[in-house]
Amino acid sequence: MKLKQLSVFLENKPGALSEPCRLLAKGGINIQTFSLADTREFGILRLVVENTDKARRLLQRHGFAVKVTEVVALEAADRPGGLAAILGALDGTGVNVEYAYPFAAKHRDHGLLLFRFNDPDAAIHALKIHKINTVGTEELSRRLKD
């Protein structure tokens, strides 16, 4: 199952992160997880939110450059080797991990990790063969509210 992620391009300056977060809060849009990466000139705020389309429109209306991409949320056993099992399932498939970041929430004895793959469909297929659970939008919302 794939999720929609927003990538918001920000200037790398004090206060730049606050504005999109305030806009989403005023719009009643919950941020489920995020990641922030930077270079000298700009930053990329990556977000998974409850209402991707509404968030994208809101941010674009306020002048932000926003890109929507597909990502995959996976359960990872919270023990040594949990991440290695995920990566091992991809060995020999030609699938590349472009980036990944965690969710703060845990579910039972599993953490949730978000991955951007160069070929999400091939990644999902390989992961299912190895019985690694992907988490869809509705399941994610339910887990984050538990």
Protein backbone atom coordinates (compact mmCIF):
# COMPACT_ATOMS: atom_id res chain seq x y z
CA MET A 1 0.00 0.00 0.00
CA LYS A 2 1.27 3.43 -0.90
CA LEU A 3 0.80 6.70 0.95
CA LYS A 4 0.91 10.23 -0.39
CA GLN A 5 3.67 12.46 0.95
CA LEU A 6 4.06 16.20 0.52
CA SER A 7 7.49 17.69 -0.12
CA VAL A 8 7.48 21.40 0.70
CA PHE A 9 10.45 23.48 -0.42
CA LEU A 10 11.58 26.09 2.12
CA GLU A 11 14.28 28.70 2.32
CA ASN A 12 16.96 27.74 4.78
CA LYS A 13 16.44 30.65 7.18
CA PRO A 14 15.10 31.15 10.71
CA GLY A 15 11.32 30.83 10.93
CA ALA A 16 10.83 29.19 7.52
CA LEU A 17 9.54 25.95 9.06
CA SER A 18 6.96 27.71 11.24
CA GLU A 19 4.80 29.15 8.48
CA PRO A 20 3.69 25.92 6.75
CA CYS A 21 3.13 24.26 10.13
CA ARG A 22 0.94 27.15 11.29
CA LEU A 23 -1.02 27.10 8.03
CA LEU A 24 -1.73 23.38 8.39
CA ALA A 25 -2.77 23.86 12.01
CA LYS A 26 -5.16 26.69 11.09
CA GLY A 27 -6.54 24.50 8.30
CA GLY A 28 -7.25 21.69 10.78
CA ILE A 29 -4.79 19.35 9.07
CA ASN A 30 -2.91 16.95 11.34
CA ILE A 31 0.73 16.14 10.58
CA GLN A 32 1.17 12.40 11.06
CA THR A 33 4.95 12.42 10.58
CA PHE A 34 7.58 14.62 9.02
CA SER A 35 11.21 14.84 8.04
CA LEU A 36 13.34 17.90 7.38
CA ALA A 37 16.45 17.91 5.20
CA ASP A 38 18.55 20.91 4.35
CA THR A 39 21.25 22.30 2.15
CA ARG A 40 22.94 25.65 2.46
CA GLU A 41 20.21 27.44 0.48
CA PHE A 42 16.98 25.51 0.98
CA GLY A 43 15.25 22.79 2.93
CA ILE A 44 12.75 20.09 2.09
CA LEU A 45 9.97 19.46 4.57
CA ARG A 46 8.48 16.03 3.92
CA LEU A 47 5.07 15.46 5.46
CA VAL A 48 2.47 12.75 5.73
CA VAL A 49 -0.82 14.39 6.71
CA GLU A 50 -4.41 13.25 7.15
CA ASN A 51 -5.71 15.16 4.11
CA THR A 52 -3.00 15.40 1.45
CA ASP A 53 -5.07 17.17 -1.22
CA LYS A 54 -6.38 19.82 1.17
CA ALA A 55 -2.88 20.40 2.58
CA ARG A 56 -1.34 20.68 -0.90
CA ARG A 57 -3.93 23.22 -2.04
CA LEU A 58 -3.58 25.25 1.16
CA LEU A 59 0.21 25.41 0.98
CA GLN A 60 0.26 26.20 -2.74
CA ARG A 61 -2.33 28.94 -2.25
CA HIS A 62 0.13 30.54 0.19
CA GLY A 63 3.02 30.42 -2.27
CA PHE A 64 4.81 27.22 -1.28
CA ALA A 65 6.26 24.90 -3.91
CA VAL A 66 4.77 21.48 -3.09
CA LYS A 67 5.32 18.10 -4.71
CA VAL A 68 3.27 14.97 -3.99
CA THR A 69 5.13 11.65 -4.04
CA GLU A 70 4.30 8.06 -3.18
CA VAL A 71 5.90 6.48 -0.14
CA VAL A 72 5.46 3.16 1.65
CA ALA A 73 4.91 2.72 5.38
CA LEU A 74 6.24 -0.55 6.77
CA GLU A 75 6.14 -2.36 10.06
CA ALA A 76 9.59 -3.06 11.44
CA ALA A 77 10.16 -5.37 14.37
CA ASP A 78 11.49 -3.27 17.25
CA ARG A 79 14.52 -5.46 17.87
CA PRO A 80 18.03 -5.87 16.50
CA GLY A 81 17.71 -6.86 12.84
CA GLY A 82 14.26 -5.32 12.24
CA LEU A 83 15.54 -2.89 9.63
CA ALA A 84 17.98 -5.44 8.22
CA ALA A 85 15.04 -7.77 7.47
CA ILE A 86 13.32 -5.08 5.43
CA LEU A 87 16.46 -4.26 3.49
CA GLY A 88 17.25 -7.93 3.01
CA ALA A 89 13.86 -8.45 1.36
CA LEU A 90 14.93 -5.97 -1.30
CA ASP A 91 18.30 -7.61 -2.03
CA GLY A 92 18.60 -8.58 -5.67
CA THR A 93 15.41 -6.76 -6.73
CA GLY A 94 17.03 -3.63 -8.15
CA VAL A 95 14.86 -1.52 -5.83
CA ASN A 96 16.69 1.46 -4.38
CA VAL A 97 15.87 3.17 -1.09
CA GLU A 98 15.94 6.90 -1.87
CA TYR A 99 15.30 7.90 1.74
CA ALA A 100 13.50 6.74 4.86
CA TYR A 101 12.34 8.14 8.19
CA PRO A 102 10.43 6.82 11.19
CA PHE A 103 7.05 7.53 12.69
CA ALA A 104 7.15 8.43 16.37
CA ALA A 105 4.32 6.01 17.14
CA LYS A 106 4.87 2.32 17.83
CA HIS A 107 2.25 -0.39 17.50
CA ARG A 108 2.67 -3.34 19.82
CA ASP A 109 6.26 -4.53 19.31
CA HIS A 110 6.67 -2.89 15.91
CA GLY A 111 7.80 0.51 14.77
CA LEU A 112 6.62 2.18 11.60
CA LEU A 113 9.10 3.32 8.99
CA LEU A 114 8.38 5.39 5.91
CA PHE A 115 10.34 4.62 2.73
CA ARG A 116 10.66 6.34 -0.62
CA PHE A 117 11.63 3.70 -3.20
CA ASN A 118 12.61 4.24 -6.82
CA ASP A 119 10.02 1.56 -7.70
CA PRO A 120 7.38 1.33 -4.94
CA ASP A 121 5.34 -1.39 -6.66
CA ALA A 122 8.35 -3.70 -7.01
CA ALA A 123 9.33 -2.96 -3.40
CA ILE A 124 5.83 -3.81 -2.12
CA HIS A 125 5.85 -7.06 -4.10
CA ALA A 126 9.24 -8.11 -2.66
CA LEU A 127 8.23 -7.13 0.87
CA LYS A 128 5.00 -9.14 0.69
CA ILE A 129 6.94 -12.22 -0.39
CA HIS A 130 8.99 -11.84 2.80
CA LYS A 131 5.83 -11.24 4.88
CA ILE A 132 6.73 -7.65 5.73
CA ASN A 133 3.55 -5.71 6.40
CA THR A 134 2.83 -2.47 4.56
CA VAL A 135 0.48 -0.01 6.21
CA GLY A 136 -2.12 1.92 4.21
CA THR A 137 -3.70 5.31 4.87
CA GLU A 138 -6.69 4.10 6.91
CA GLU A 139 -4.61 1.66 8.97
CA LEU A 140 -2.04 4.39 9.63
CA SER A 141 -4.69 6.83 10.87
CA ARG A 142 -6.17 4.15 13.13
CA ARG A 143 -2.79 3.22 14.61
CA LEU A 144 -1.77 6.80 15.24
CA LYS A 145 -5.02 7.42 17.16
CA ASP A 146 -4.64 4.31 19.37
